[in-house]
Amino acid sequence: MNGGRVVRNKPEVSYVRPQARRGILLAVMVVSLFGFFAVVAIDLLDYHTSIELAQRHLFIAGVVLFVAAARKRLLHPRGRFRTLAAMGCGMTVMPPLFFTALERLGAGPAITLQFVGVLAVMVWTQAVKGVRVPAVAWLAGLVTVVGICLVVEAWIWERVDLVGIAAGVGAALFLAIYLLLVDHLGGHLHPLTISAYPTGIAALLLMPLANWGPMDLPVSKWWWLLALGVLGTALPVLLEVMAVRYAGPGPVGMIILTQPVVGAVAAWFLLDQYLNGLQILGIAVSLVGVLMVQSKVSEAGT
């Protein structure tokens, strides 16, 4: 109190938002859905090219999200269509860049390079927005990426390729931009609006390249394709937007980084793929990183 005025000190840590715990839980749900359906996508890639599968599941997701937004009268972009279109372009570019990194570098290095996106979000948050990122967040990111390196065996480089490295870093930076734009729009548009437009735009942009894909799939594969579009794409994309609104792009990006861990566990159970001791240790280390983020959220909540 100073001369009848209440003096409020600026919070030392504003990186973690109110209701951030809810956002972390939503991000965990996103990673779980993405990780499980990544295994489904591996099976469907026996019948599609990567572009065909990307276009199909994005198209299904876009239709679902647009119908849901229309039913709630949430399709009006409120003057922010350009930003939504930019997000759609990013969703179009990310898969080809990531697949290029996979092809040229192998799974381990390509997946690990995605940490560049989370690092970019944290640097932007502190350097540009002026919000101090607590030391525990940087440490949690380091712990998480070490765990992921063990899971995906990132030290196994098929060949050092500058084009592959550039593609992997590019995919990671597009992910960072996407998360930051979601955060920017969060105070202006409903999550359904933010989710529907980029997903639908990405599906339309990929259509000339995919040419709708094969039509002679077995009935069971059509059902899995539908599940991939609805439960593996539309639902997690919507939950991801909600998670960023509650927790911010940095913590959510860090949780999303653990998707390879979930995918490895799912492949272990569903495809009987073997995990060695180092990979199991990596899963444990990655979970420690996630728990560190959760502990910071709990500390901020109290």
C-alpha atoms as a PDB file:
ATOM      1  CA  MET A   1       0.000   0.000   0.000  1.00  0.00           C
ATOM      2  CA  ASN A   2       1.471   3.360  -1.032  1.00  0.00           C
ATOM      3  CA  GLY A   3      -0.500   6.597  -0.603  1.00  0.00           C
ATOM      4  CA  GLY A   4      -3.798   4.754  -0.806  1.00  0.00           C
ATOM      5  CA  ARG A   5      -2.667   2.814  -3.859  1.00  0.00           C
ATOM      6  CA  VAL A   6      -2.038  -0.883  -3.939  1.00  0.00           C
ATOM      7  CA  VAL A   7       1.385  -1.620  -5.373  1.00  0.00           C
ATOM      8  CA  ARG A   8       1.557  -4.979  -7.081  1.00  0.00           C
ATOM      9  CA  ASN A   9       4.934  -6.426  -7.884  1.00  0.00           C
ATOM     10  CA  LYS A  10       5.267  -8.033 -11.279  1.00  0.00           C
ATOM     11  CA  PRO A  11       5.256 -11.813 -10.838  1.00  0.00           C
ATOM     12  CA  GLU A  12       8.733 -13.275 -11.074  1.00  0.00           C
ATOM     13  CA  VAL A  13       7.454 -16.168 -13.159  1.00  0.00           C
ATOM     14  CA  SER A  14       4.595 -15.503 -15.563  1.00  0.00           C
ATOM     15  CA  TYR A  15       5.572 -18.218 -18.029  1.00  0.00           C
ATOM     16  CA  VAL A  16       3.132 -20.652 -16.397  1.00  0.00           C
ATOM     17  CA  ARG A  17      -0.447 -19.413 -16.713  1.00  0.00           C
ATOM     18  CA  PRO A  18      -3.503 -19.833 -14.526  1.00  0.00           C
ATOM     19  CA  GLN A  19      -5.289 -23.098 -15.310  1.00  0.00           C
ATOM     20  CA  ALA A  20      -2.015 -24.334 -16.788  1.00  0.00           C
ATOM     21  CA  ARG A  21      -2.430 -27.706 -15.092  1.00  0.00           C
ATOM     22  CA  ARG A  22      -5.517 -28.284 -17.229  1.00  0.00           C
ATOM     23  CA  GLY A  23      -3.496 -27.369 -20.307  1.00  0.00           C
ATOM     24  CA  ILE A  24      -0.760 -29.862 -19.381  1.00  0.00           C
ATOM     25  CA  LEU A  25      -3.345 -32.624 -18.972  1.00  0.00           C
ATOM     26  CA  LEU A  26      -4.852 -31.755 -22.366  1.00  0.00           C
ATOM     27  CA  ALA A  27      -1.368 -31.800 -23.916  1.00  0.00           C
ATOM     28  CA  VAL A  28      -0.792 -35.275 -22.462  1.00  0.00           C
ATOM     29  CA  MET A  29      -4.064 -36.391 -24.077  1.00  0.00           C
ATOM     30  CA  VAL A  30      -2.893 -34.886 -27.386  1.00  0.00           C
ATOM     31  CA  VAL A  31       0.405 -36.757 -27.237  1.00  0.00           C
ATOM     32  CA  SER A  32      -1.354 -40.005 -26.324  1.00  0.00           C
ATOM     33  CA  LEU A  33      -3.726 -39.741 -29.289  1.00  0.00           C
ATOM     34  CA  PHE A  34      -1.011 -38.668 -31.742  1.00  0.00           C
ATOM     35  CA  GLY A  35       1.339 -41.405 -30.500  1.00  0.00           C
ATOM     36  CA  PHE A  36      -1.228 -44.197 -30.745  1.00  0.00           C
ATOM     37  CA  PHE A  37      -2.479 -43.185 -34.173  1.00  0.00           C
ATOM     38  CA  ALA A  38       1.092 -42.820 -35.449  1.00  0.00           C
ATOM     39  CA  VAL A  39       1.182 -46.615 -35.234  1.00  0.00           C
ATOM     40  CA  VAL A  40      -2.100 -46.755 -37.185  1.00  0.00           C
ATOM     41  CA  ALA A  41      -0.567 -44.456 -39.808  1.00  0.00           C
ATOM     42  CA  ILE A  42       2.377 -46.844 -40.241  1.00  0.00           C
ATOM     43  CA  ASP A  43      -0.074 -49.580 -41.213  1.00  0.00           C
ATOM     44  CA  LEU A  44      -1.996 -47.288 -43.588  1.00  0.00           C
ATOM     45  CA  LEU A  45       1.237 -46.229 -45.311  1.00  0.00           C
ATOM     46  CA  ASP A  46       1.280 -49.700 -46.859  1.00  0.00           C
ATOM     47  CA  TYR A  47      -1.659 -48.489 -48.982  1.00  0.00           C
ATOM     48  CA  HIS A  48      -0.817 -44.764 -49.409  1.00  0.00           C
ATOM     49  CA  THR A  49       2.059 -42.477 -50.128  1.00  0.00           C
ATOM     50  CA  SER A  50       2.852 -40.076 -47.283  1.00  0.00           C
ATOM     51  CA  ILE A  51       1.226 -37.163 -49.169  1.00  0.00           C
ATOM     52  CA  GLU A  52      -1.925 -39.184 -49.901  1.00  0.00           C
ATOM     53  CA  LEU A  53      -2.316 -40.199 -46.276  1.00  0.00           C
ATOM     54  CA  ALA A  54      -1.624 -36.666 -45.035  1.00  0.00           C
ATOM     55  CA  GLN A  55      -4.265 -35.235 -47.372  1.00  0.00           C
ATOM     56  CA  ARG A  56      -6.867 -37.847 -46.492  1.00  0.00           C
ATOM     57  CA  HIS A  57      -6.663 -37.618 -42.723  1.00  0.00           C
ATOM     58  CA  LEU A  58      -6.477 -33.796 -42.838  1.00  0.00           C
ATOM     59  CA  PHE A  59      -9.528 -33.700 -45.125  1.00  0.00           C
ATOM     60  CA  ILE A  60     -11.552 -35.902 -42.765  1.00  0.00           C
ATOM     61  CA  ALA A  61     -10.423 -33.821 -39.785  1.00  0.00           C
ATOM     62  CA  GLY A  62     -11.208 -30.560 -41.595  1.00  0.00           C
ATOM     63  CA  VAL A  63     -14.740 -31.686 -42.433  1.00  0.00           C
ATOM     64  CA  VAL A  64     -15.386 -32.769 -38.834  1.00  0.00           C
ATOM     65  CA  LEU A  65     -14.039 -29.523 -37.374  1.00  0.00           C
ATOM     66  CA  PHE A  66     -15.875 -27.311 -39.892  1.00  0.00           C
ATOM     67  CA  VAL A  67     -19.191 -29.089 -39.230  1.00  0.00           C
ATOM     68  CA  ALA A  68     -18.689 -28.753 -35.473  1.00  0.00           C
ATOM     69  CA  ALA A  69     -17.790 -25.058 -35.802  1.00  0.00           C
ATOM     70  CA  ALA A  70     -20.745 -24.408 -38.127  1.00  0.00           C
ATOM     71  CA  ARG A  71     -23.191 -26.054 -35.711  1.00  0.00           C
ATOM     72  CA  LYS A  72     -21.982 -23.682 -32.989  1.00  0.00           C
ATOM     73  CA  ARG A  73     -21.879 -20.698 -35.394  1.00  0.00           C
ATOM     74  CA  LEU A  74     -18.142 -20.248 -34.899  1.00  0.00           C
ATOM     75  CA  LEU A  75     -16.958 -20.061 -38.508  1.00  0.00           C
ATOM     76  CA  HIS A  76     -16.560 -16.276 -38.658  1.00  0.00           C
ATOM     77  CA  PRO A  77     -12.786 -15.546 -38.645  1.00  0.00           C
ATOM     78  CA  ARG A  78     -13.310 -12.020 -37.255  1.00  0.00           C
ATOM     79  CA  GLY A  79     -10.780 -10.414 -39.564  1.00  0.00           C
ATOM     80  CA  ARG A  80      -8.053 -12.969 -38.847  1.00  0.00           C
ATOM     81  CA  PHE A  81      -8.386 -15.174 -41.907  1.00  0.00           C
ATOM     82  CA  ARG A  82      -4.853 -14.321 -43.088  1.00  0.00           C
ATOM     83  CA  THR A  83      -3.354 -15.652 -39.871  1.00  0.00           C
ATOM     84  CA  LEU A  84      -5.499 -18.788 -40.081  1.00  0.00           C
ATOM     85  CA  ALA A  85      -4.444 -19.254 -43.714  1.00  0.00           C
ATOM     86  CA  ALA A  86      -0.774 -18.883 -42.726  1.00  0.00           C
ATOM     87  CA  MET A  87      -1.280 -21.622 -40.131  1.00  0.00           C
ATOM     88  CA  GLY A  88      -2.859 -23.801 -42.827  1.00  0.00           C
ATOM     89  CA  CYS A  89       0.170 -23.266 -45.077  1.00  0.00           C
ATOM     90  CA  GLY A  90       2.408 -24.283 -42.177  1.00  0.00           C
ATOM     91  CA  MET A  91       0.406 -27.468 -41.638  1.00  0.00           C
ATOM     92  CA  THR A  92       0.875 -28.195 -45.354  1.00  0.00           C
ATOM     93  CA  VAL A  93       4.637 -27.700 -45.326  1.00  0.00           C
ATOM     94  CA  MET A  94       5.490 -29.469 -42.069  1.00  0.00           C
ATOM     95  CA  PRO A  95       4.846 -33.100 -43.176  1.00  0.00           C
ATOM     96  CA  PRO A  96       6.978 -32.966 -46.385  1.00  0.00           C
ATOM     97  CA  LEU A  97       9.858 -31.320 -44.503  1.00  0.00           C
ATOM     98  CA  PHE A  98       9.689 -33.878 -41.713  1.00  0.00           C
ATOM     99  CA  PHE A  99       9.452 -36.806 -44.146  1.00  0.00           C
ATOM    100  CA  THR A 100      12.507 -35.424 -45.986  1.00  0.00           C
ATOM    101  CA  ALA A 101      14.440 -35.350 -42.716  1.00  0.00           C
ATOM    102  CA  LEU A 102      13.321 -38.908 -41.964  1.00  0.00           C
ATOM    103  CA  GLU A 103      14.482 -40.117 -45.366  1.00  0.00           C
ATOM    104  CA  ARG A 104      17.867 -38.389 -45.296  1.00  0.00           C
ATOM    105  CA  LEU A 105      18.811 -38.645 -41.600  1.00  0.00           C
ATOM    106  CA  GLY A 106      16.865 -41.561 -40.174  1.00  0.00           C
ATOM    107  CA  ALA A 107      14.178 -41.531 -37.501  1.00  0.00           C
ATOM    108  CA  GLY A 108      16.371 -40.744 -34.479  1.00  0.00           C
ATOM    109  CA  PRO A 109      18.041 -37.511 -35.641  1.00  0.00           C
ATOM    110  CA  ALA A 110      14.921 -36.286 -37.474  1.00  0.00           C
ATOM    111  CA  ILE A 111      12.687 -36.661 -34.429  1.00  0.00           C
ATOM    112  CA  THR A 112      15.256 -35.183 -32.046  1.00  0.00           C
ATOM    113  CA  LEU A 113      15.640 -32.087 -34.238  1.00  0.00           C
ATOM    114  CA  GLN A 114      12.022 -31.242 -33.381  1.00  0.00           C
ATOM    115  CA  PHE A 115      13.337 -29.932 -30.053  1.00  0.00           C
ATOM    116  CA  VAL A 116      14.552 -26.899 -32.025  1.00  0.00           C
ATOM    117  CA  GLY A 117      10.892 -25.845 -32.288  1.00  0.00           C
ATOM    118  CA  VAL A 118      10.325 -25.947 -28.541  1.00  0.00           C
ATOM    119  CA  LEU A 119      13.614 -24.116 -27.966  1.00  0.00           C
ATOM    120  CA  ALA A 120      12.522 -21.434 -30.448  1.00  0.00           C
ATOM    121  CA  VAL A 121       9.239 -20.937 -28.571  1.00  0.00           C
ATOM    122  CA  MET A 122      11.072 -20.540 -25.266  1.00  0.00           C
ATOM    123  CA  VAL A 123      13.603 -18.097 -26.734  1.00  0.00           C
ATOM    124  CA  TRP A 124      10.795 -16.066 -28.349  1.00  0.00           C
ATOM    125  CA  THR A 125       8.869 -16.015 -25.071  1.00  0.00           C
ATOM    126  CA  GLN A 126      11.810 -14.638 -23.124  1.00  0.00           C
ATOM    127  CA  ALA A 127      13.618 -12.483 -25.702  1.00  0.00           C
ATOM    128  CA  VAL A 128      10.684 -10.999 -27.632  1.00  0.00           C
ATOM    129  CA  LYS A 129       7.691 -11.131 -25.303  1.00  0.00           C
ATOM    130  CA  GLY A 130       9.780 -10.314 -22.238  1.00  0.00           C
ATOM    131  CA  VAL A 131       8.358 -13.169 -20.150  1.00  0.00           C
ATOM    132  CA  ARG A 132      10.996 -14.865 -18.031  1.00  0.00           C
ATOM    133  CA  VAL A 133      11.197 -18.582 -18.693  1.00  0.00           C
ATOM    134  CA  PRO A 134      12.105 -20.265 -15.396  1.00  0.00           C
ATOM    135  CA  ALA A 135      15.292 -22.293 -15.184  1.00  0.00           C
ATOM    136  CA  VAL A 136      13.315 -25.454 -14.466  1.00  0.00           C
ATOM    137  CA  ALA A 137      11.671 -25.156 -17.897  1.00  0.00           C
ATOM    138  CA  TRP A 138      15.056 -25.105 -19.648  1.00  0.00           C
ATOM    139  CA  LEU A 139      16.193 -28.042 -17.503  1.00  0.00           C
ATOM    140  CA  ALA A 140      12.982 -29.956 -18.189  1.00  0.00           C
ATOM    141  CA  GLY A 141      13.506 -29.431 -21.905  1.00  0.00           C
ATOM    142  CA  LEU A 142      17.066 -30.759 -21.671  1.00  0.00           C
ATOM    143  CA  VAL A 143      15.968 -33.809 -19.658  1.00  0.00           C
ATOM    144  CA  THR A 144      13.134 -34.514 -22.104  1.00  0.00           C
ATOM    145  CA  VAL A 145      15.328 -34.309 -25.200  1.00  0.00           C
ATOM    146  CA  VAL A 146      17.938 -36.595 -23.589  1.00  0.00           C
ATOM    147  CA  GLY A 147      15.206 -39.147 -22.951  1.00  0.00           C
ATOM    148  CA  ILE A 148      13.941 -38.885 -26.518  1.00  0.00           C
ATOM    149  CA  CYS A 149      17.488 -39.292 -27.868  1.00  0.00           C
ATOM    150  CA  LEU A 150      17.679 -42.596 -26.002  1.00  0.00           C
ATOM    151  CA  VAL A 151      14.250 -43.770 -27.202  1.00  0.00           C
ATOM    152  CA  VAL A 152      14.834 -43.006 -30.888  1.00  0.00           C
ATOM    153  CA  GLU A 153      18.578 -43.828 -30.735  1.00  0.00           C
ATOM    154  CA  ALA A 154      19.421 -40.395 -32.113  1.00  0.00           C
ATOM    155  CA  TRP A 155      23.136 -41.203 -32.362  1.00  0.00           C
ATOM    156  CA  ILE A 156      22.458 -43.547 -35.295  1.00  0.00           C
ATOM    157  CA  TRP A 157      22.860 -41.251 -38.305  1.00  0.00           C
ATOM    158  CA  GLU A 158      22.295 -42.999 -41.605  1.00  0.00           C
ATOM    159  CA  ARG A 159      24.344 -40.253 -43.202  1.00  0.00           C
ATOM    160  CA  VAL A 160      25.105 -36.656 -42.323  1.00  0.00           C
ATOM    161  CA  ASP A 161      23.135 -34.613 -44.827  1.00  0.00           C
ATOM    162  CA  LEU A 162      22.804 -30.825 -44.695  1.00  0.00           C
ATOM    163  CA  VAL A 163      19.556 -30.917 -46.673  1.00  0.00           C
ATOM    164  CA  GLY A 164      18.099 -33.383 -44.172  1.00  0.00           C
ATOM    165  CA  ILE A 165      19.228 -31.258 -41.236  1.00  0.00           C
ATOM    166  CA  ALA A 166      17.738 -28.137 -42.834  1.00  0.00           C
ATOM    167  CA  ALA A 167      14.458 -29.971 -43.473  1.00  0.00           C
ATOM    168  CA  GLY A 168      14.277 -31.211 -39.873  1.00  0.00           C
ATOM    169  CA  VAL A 169      15.021 -27.778 -38.435  1.00  0.00           C
ATOM    170  CA  GLY A 170      12.523 -26.228 -40.871  1.00  0.00           C
ATOM    171  CA  ALA A 171       9.757 -28.601 -39.741  1.00  0.00           C
ATOM    172  CA  ALA A 172      10.561 -27.781 -36.117  1.00  0.00           C
ATOM    173  CA  LEU A 173      10.465 -24.021 -36.750  1.00  0.00           C
ATOM    174  CA  PHE A 174       7.122 -24.300 -38.560  1.00  0.00           C
ATOM    175  CA  LEU A 175       5.789 -26.158 -35.502  1.00  0.00           C
ATOM    176  CA  ALA A 176       7.050 -23.320 -33.284  1.00  0.00           C
ATOM    177  CA  ILE A 177       5.379 -20.698 -35.488  1.00  0.00           C
ATOM    178  CA  TYR A 178       2.147 -22.709 -35.463  1.00  0.00           C
ATOM    179  CA  LEU A 179       2.116 -22.883 -31.639  1.00  0.00           C
ATOM    180  CA  LEU A 180       2.887 -19.163 -31.321  1.00  0.00           C
ATOM    181  CA  LEU A 181       0.089 -18.258 -33.762  1.00  0.00           C
ATOM    182  CA  VAL A 182      -2.327 -20.489 -31.845  1.00  0.00           C
ATOM    183  CA  ASP A 183      -1.307 -18.612 -28.706  1.00  0.00           C
ATOM    184  CA  HIS A 184      -1.791 -15.266 -30.494  1.00  0.00           C
ATOM    185  CA  LEU A 185      -5.293 -16.157 -31.697  1.00  0.00           C
ATOM    186  CA  GLY A 186      -6.348 -17.736 -28.419  1.00  0.00           C
ATOM    187  CA  GLY A 187      -7.671 -14.492 -26.996  1.00  0.00           C
ATOM    188  CA  HIS A 188      -9.677 -13.643 -30.121  1.00  0.00           C
ATOM    189  CA  LEU A 189     -11.177 -16.821 -31.573  1.00  0.00           C
ATOM    190  CA  HIS A 190     -12.802 -19.999 -30.292  1.00  0.00           C
ATOM    191  CA  PRO A 191     -10.609 -23.153 -30.361  1.00  0.00           C
ATOM    192  CA  LEU A 192     -12.945 -24.706 -32.945  1.00  0.00           C
ATOM    193  CA  THR A 193     -12.400 -21.757 -35.289  1.00  0.00           C
ATOM    194  CA  ILE A 194      -8.638 -21.879 -34.806  1.00  0.00           C
ATOM    195  CA  SER A 195      -8.614 -25.626 -35.476  1.00  0.00           C
ATOM    196  CA  ALA A 196     -10.996 -25.838 -38.430  1.00  0.00           C
ATOM    197  CA  TYR A 197      -9.514 -23.300 -40.847  1.00  0.00           C
ATOM    198  CA  PRO A 198      -5.826 -24.397 -40.861  1.00  0.00           C
ATOM    199  CA  THR A 199      -6.769 -28.088 -41.057  1.00  0.00           C
ATOM    200  CA  GLY A 200      -9.175 -27.549 -43.949  1.00  0.00           C
ATOM    201  CA  ILE A 201      -6.781 -25.230 -45.807  1.00  0.00           C
ATOM    202  CA  ALA A 202      -3.930 -27.735 -45.468  1.00  0.00           C
ATOM    203  CA  ALA A 203      -6.153 -30.520 -46.842  1.00  0.00           C
ATOM    204  CA  LEU A 204      -7.122 -28.402 -49.847  1.00  0.00           C
ATOM    205  CA  LEU A 205      -3.532 -27.378 -50.583  1.00  0.00           C
ATOM    206  CA  LEU A 206      -2.408 -31.017 -50.522  1.00  0.00           C
ATOM    207  CA  MET A 207      -5.252 -32.202 -52.762  1.00  0.00           C
ATOM    208  CA  PRO A 208      -3.525 -31.538 -56.141  1.00  0.00           C
ATOM    209  CA  LEU A 209      -0.511 -33.547 -54.952  1.00  0.00           C
ATOM    210  CA  ALA A 210      -2.470 -36.422 -53.436  1.00  0.00           C
ATOM    211  CA  ASN A 211      -5.164 -36.823 -56.110  1.00  0.00           C
ATOM    212  CA  TRP A 212      -7.469 -38.343 -53.438  1.00  0.00           C
ATOM    213  CA  GLY A 213      -5.338 -41.479 -53.083  1.00  0.00           C
ATOM    214  CA  PRO A 214      -6.358 -45.120 -53.726  1.00  0.00           C
ATOM    215  CA  MET A 215     -10.029 -46.081 -53.481  1.00  0.00           C
ATOM    216  CA  ASP A 216      -9.676 -49.891 -53.332  1.00  0.00           C
ATOM    217  CA  LEU A 217      -8.833 -50.161 -49.633  1.00  0.00           C
ATOM    218  CA  PRO A 218     -10.133 -53.069 -47.539  1.00  0.00           C
ATOM    219  CA  VAL A 219     -13.154 -52.132 -45.423  1.00  0.00           C
ATOM    220  CA  SER A 220     -11.150 -52.411 -42.207  1.00  0.00           C
ATOM    221  CA  LYS A 221      -8.600 -49.886 -43.538  1.00  0.00           C
ATOM    222  CA  TRP A 222     -11.376 -47.411 -44.380  1.00  0.00           C
ATOM    223  CA  TRP A 223     -12.514 -47.613 -40.751  1.00  0.00           C
ATOM    224  CA  TRP A 224      -8.969 -47.039 -39.503  1.00  0.00           C
ATOM    225  CA  LEU A 225      -8.573 -44.130 -41.919  1.00  0.00           C
ATOM    226  CA  LEU A 226     -11.768 -42.596 -40.541  1.00  0.00           C
ATOM    227  CA  ALA A 227     -10.516 -43.123 -36.980  1.00  0.00           C
ATOM    228  CA  LEU A 228      -7.195 -41.527 -37.899  1.00  0.00           C
ATOM    229  CA  GLY A 229      -8.996 -38.473 -39.268  1.00  0.00           C
ATOM    230  CA  VAL A 230     -11.434 -38.040 -36.372  1.00  0.00           C
ATOM    231  CA  LEU A 231      -9.689 -39.382 -33.256  1.00  0.00           C
ATOM    232  CA  GLY A 232      -6.103 -39.133 -34.469  1.00  0.00           C
ATOM    233  CA  THR A 233      -6.267 -35.675 -36.060  1.00  0.00           C
ATOM    234  CA  ALA A 234      -9.422 -33.595 -35.485  1.00  0.00           C
ATOM    235  CA  LEU A 235      -9.700 -34.291 -31.750  1.00  0.00           C
ATOM    236  CA  PRO A 236      -6.006 -33.829 -30.849  1.00  0.00           C
ATOM    237  CA  VAL A 237      -5.720 -30.685 -33.018  1.00  0.00           C
ATOM    238  CA  LEU A 238      -8.655 -29.173 -31.117  1.00  0.00           C
ATOM    239  CA  LEU A 239      -7.270 -30.281 -27.742  1.00  0.00           C
ATOM    240  CA  GLU A 240      -3.857 -28.872 -28.690  1.00  0.00           C
ATOM    241  CA  VAL A 241      -5.352 -25.424 -29.300  1.00  0.00           C
ATOM    242  CA  MET A 242      -7.155 -25.604 -25.945  1.00  0.00           C
ATOM    243  CA  ALA A 243      -3.948 -26.734 -24.219  1.00  0.00           C
ATOM    244  CA  VAL A 244      -1.983 -23.768 -25.619  1.00  0.00           C
ATOM    245  CA  ARG A 245      -4.744 -21.423 -24.418  1.00  0.00           C
ATOM    246  CA  TYR A 246      -4.453 -22.763 -20.871  1.00  0.00           C
ATOM    247  CA  ALA A 247      -0.717 -23.463 -20.529  1.00  0.00           C
ATOM    248  CA  GLY A 248       1.017 -21.484 -23.289  1.00  0.00           C
ATOM    249  CA  PRO A 249       3.028 -22.691 -26.294  1.00  0.00           C
ATOM    250  CA  GLY A 250       6.254 -23.499 -24.414  1.00  0.00           C
ATOM    251  CA  PRO A 251       4.996 -26.085 -21.901  1.00  0.00           C
ATOM    252  CA  VAL A 252       2.622 -27.601 -24.473  1.00  0.00           C
ATOM    253  CA  GLY A 253       5.403 -27.843 -27.054  1.00  0.00           C
ATOM    254  CA  MET A 254       7.587 -29.602 -24.501  1.00  0.00           C
ATOM    255  CA  ILE A 255       4.883 -32.199 -23.827  1.00  0.00           C
ATOM    256  CA  ILE A 256       4.235 -32.693 -27.558  1.00  0.00           C
ATOM    257  CA  LEU A 257       7.951 -33.385 -27.940  1.00  0.00           C
ATOM    258  CA  THR A 258       7.423 -36.698 -26.104  1.00  0.00           C
ATOM    259  CA  GLN A 259       5.204 -38.099 -28.874  1.00  0.00           C
ATOM    260  CA  PRO A 260       7.952 -40.503 -30.077  1.00  0.00           C
ATOM    261  CA  VAL A 261       7.965 -42.026 -26.592  1.00  0.00           C
ATOM    262  CA  VAL A 262       4.229 -42.718 -26.747  1.00  0.00           C
ATOM    263  CA  GLY A 263       4.603 -44.052 -30.272  1.00  0.00           C
ATOM    264  CA  ALA A 264       7.409 -46.383 -29.192  1.00  0.00           C
ATOM    265  CA  VAL A 265       5.325 -47.766 -26.328  1.00  0.00           C
ATOM    266  CA  ALA A 266       2.301 -48.196 -28.611  1.00  0.00           C
ATOM    267  CA  ALA A 267       4.418 -50.008 -31.198  1.00  0.00           C
ATOM    268  CA  TRP A 268       5.810 -52.212 -28.438  1.00  0.00           C
ATOM    269  CA  PHE A 269       2.330 -53.365 -27.413  1.00  0.00           C
ATOM    270  CA  LEU A 270       0.517 -53.274 -30.770  1.00  0.00           C
ATOM    271  CA  LEU A 271       3.238 -54.311 -33.220  1.00  0.00           C
ATOM    272  CA  ASP A 272       5.458 -56.360 -30.883  1.00  0.00           C
ATOM    273  CA  GLN A 273       8.405 -54.119 -31.718  1.00  0.00           C
ATOM    274  CA  TYR A 274      11.340 -54.706 -29.374  1.00  0.00           C
ATOM    275  CA  LEU A 275      12.590 -51.990 -27.015  1.00  0.00           C
ATOM    276  CA  ASN A 276      16.093 -52.379 -25.620  1.00  0.00           C
ATOM    277  CA  GLY A 277      17.261 -51.304 -22.183  1.00  0.00           C
ATOM    278  CA  LEU A 278      18.470 -47.865 -23.307  1.00  0.00           C
ATOM    279  CA  GLN A 279      15.123 -47.126 -24.973  1.00  0.00           C
ATOM    280  CA  ILE A 280      13.228 -48.106 -21.822  1.00  0.00           C
ATOM    281  CA  LEU A 281      15.574 -45.854 -19.832  1.00  0.00           C
ATOM    282  CA  GLY A 282      14.833 -43.076 -22.331  1.00  0.00           C
ATOM    283  CA  ILE A 283      11.097 -43.461 -21.726  1.00  0.00           C
ATOM    284  CA  ALA A 284      11.689 -43.087 -17.991  1.00  0.00           C
ATOM    285  CA  VAL A 285      13.916 -40.028 -18.477  1.00  0.00           C
ATOM    286  CA  SER A 286      11.331 -38.392 -20.772  1.00  0.00           C
ATOM    287  CA  LEU A 287       8.637 -38.947 -18.170  1.00  0.00           C
ATOM    288  CA  VAL A 288      10.877 -37.211 -15.615  1.00  0.00           C
ATOM    289  CA  GLY A 289      11.002 -34.184 -17.940  1.00  0.00           C
ATOM    290  CA  VAL A 290       7.198 -34.133 -18.203  1.00  0.00           C
ATOM    291  CA  LEU A 291       6.863 -34.437 -14.418  1.00  0.00           C
ATOM    292  CA  MET A 292       9.234 -31.501 -14.008  1.00  0.00           C
ATOM    293  CA  VAL A 293       6.911 -29.380 -16.150  1.00  0.00           C
ATOM    294  CA  GLN A 294       3.918 -30.611 -14.135  1.00  0.00           C
ATOM    295  CA  SER A 295       5.658 -29.797 -10.838  1.00  0.00           C
ATOM    296  CA  LYS A 296       6.286 -26.222 -12.018  1.00  0.00           C
ATOM    297  CA  VAL A 297       2.631 -25.928 -12.957  1.00  0.00           C
ATOM    298  CA  SER A 298       1.583 -27.218  -9.546  1.00  0.00           C
ATOM    299  CA  GLU A 299       3.967 -24.787  -7.831  1.00  0.00           C
ATOM    300  CA  ALA A 300       2.501 -21.867  -9.808  1.00  0.00           C
ATOM    301  CA  GLY A 301      -1.032 -22.993  -8.970  1.00  0.00           C
ATOM    302  CA  THR A 302      -0.323 -22.824  -5.259  1.00  0.00           C
END
